[in-house]
Amino acid sequence: MFHMWGQGYGMGWLWVFILWALIIGVVAVAIYVLLNSRKHNQGSSANVNLRQGNAVDMVKERYAKGEISREEYKQMMEDLKE
């Protein structure tokens, strides 16, 4: 005898939908994590260059104000190039 939902598989479409939603969700999270980590890595290298640039500017400013000698200035600039 046939059931109203046809052979008892009436909820099968719901499980297929849930399975596809999980698969799409996992793929979306993986893509998000990969893109976010790539941006983070690019940002951190840019921050190092920015900090080094700020340090050079600070040394130049200290030398211009007369806070450090020419020898100290040269040594600091050499250290920052490394």
Protein backbone atom coordinates (compact mmCIF):
# COMPACT_ATOMS: atom_id res chain seq x y z
CA MET A 1 0.00 0.00 0.00
CA PHE A 2 1.34 3.46 -0.89
CA HIS A 3 1.80 6.07 1.75
CA MET A 4 0.86 9.67 1.33
CA TRP A 5 4.52 10.63 0.89
CA GLY A 6 5.32 7.83 -1.51
CA GLN A 7 7.15 4.74 -0.25
CA GLY A 8 8.24 6.45 3.00
CA TYR A 9 10.89 8.75 1.43
CA GLY A 10 9.04 12.01 1.87
CA MET A 11 11.83 13.69 3.86
CA GLY A 12 14.63 12.59 1.50
CA TRP A 13 14.76 15.96 -0.27
CA LEU A 14 15.35 17.68 3.09
CA TRP A 15 18.43 15.55 3.82
CA VAL A 16 19.80 16.22 0.34
CA PHE A 17 19.32 19.96 0.94
CA ILE A 18 21.05 19.76 4.34
CA LEU A 19 23.96 17.80 2.84
CA TRP A 20 24.47 20.35 0.04
CA ALA A 21 24.18 23.24 2.52
CA LEU A 22 26.93 21.67 4.65
CA ILE A 23 29.19 21.10 1.65
CA ILE A 24 28.73 24.67 0.42
CA GLY A 25 29.28 26.00 3.94
CA VAL A 26 32.54 24.10 4.38
CA VAL A 27 33.82 25.29 1.00
CA ALA A 28 32.84 28.89 1.81
CA VAL A 29 34.61 28.79 5.17
CA ALA A 30 37.74 27.29 3.57
CA ILE A 31 37.84 30.04 0.93
CA TYR A 32 37.31 32.72 3.57
CA VAL A 33 40.14 31.37 5.73
CA LEU A 34 42.54 31.16 2.77
CA LEU A 35 41.79 34.69 1.58
CA ASN A 36 41.92 36.11 5.09
CA SER A 37 45.29 34.49 5.86
CA ARG A 38 46.71 35.81 2.57
CA LYS A 39 45.60 39.35 3.43
CA HIS A 40 47.04 39.00 6.91
CA ASN A 41 50.42 37.87 5.56
CA GLN A 42 50.56 40.75 3.08
CA GLY A 43 49.61 43.21 5.78
CA SER A 44 52.27 42.03 8.19
CA SER A 45 55.07 42.46 5.63
CA ALA A 46 53.78 45.93 4.80
CA ASN A 47 53.77 46.78 8.52
CA VAL A 48 57.44 45.81 8.83
CA ASN A 49 58.36 48.16 5.97
CA LEU A 50 56.20 50.90 7.47
CA ARG A 51 57.82 50.53 10.90
CA GLN A 52 61.29 50.55 9.36
CA GLY A 53 60.40 53.70 7.42
CA ASN A 54 59.17 55.34 10.62
CA ALA A 55 62.41 54.39 12.39
CA VAL A 56 64.49 55.97 9.62
CA ASP A 57 62.41 59.13 9.86
CA MET A 58 62.88 59.19 13.63
CA VAL A 59 66.66 58.84 13.32
CA LYS A 60 66.77 61.65 10.73
CA GLU A 61 64.65 63.85 12.96
CA ARG A 62 66.85 63.19 16.01
CA TYR A 63 69.95 64.02 13.97
CA ALA A 64 68.35 67.20 12.64
CA LYS A 65 67.48 68.29 16.20
CA GLY A 66 71.05 67.63 17.32
CA GLU A 67 70.08 64.88 19.75
CA ILE A 68 72.59 62.42 18.25
CA SER A 69 76.03 62.84 16.73
CA ARG A 70 76.97 62.15 13.11
CA GLU A 71 78.63 58.88 14.10
CA GLU A 72 75.53 57.74 15.99
CA TYR A 73 73.38 58.73 13.02
CA LYS A 74 75.52 56.73 10.59
CA GLN A 75 75.54 53.70 12.90
CA MET A 76 71.78 53.79 13.39
CA MET A 77 71.11 54.13 9.68
CA GLU A 78 73.45 51.23 8.98
CA ASP A 79 71.70 49.11 11.60
CA LEU A 80 68.30 49.88 10.09
CA LYS A 81 69.42 48.84 6.60
CA GLU A 82 70.10 45.29 7.86
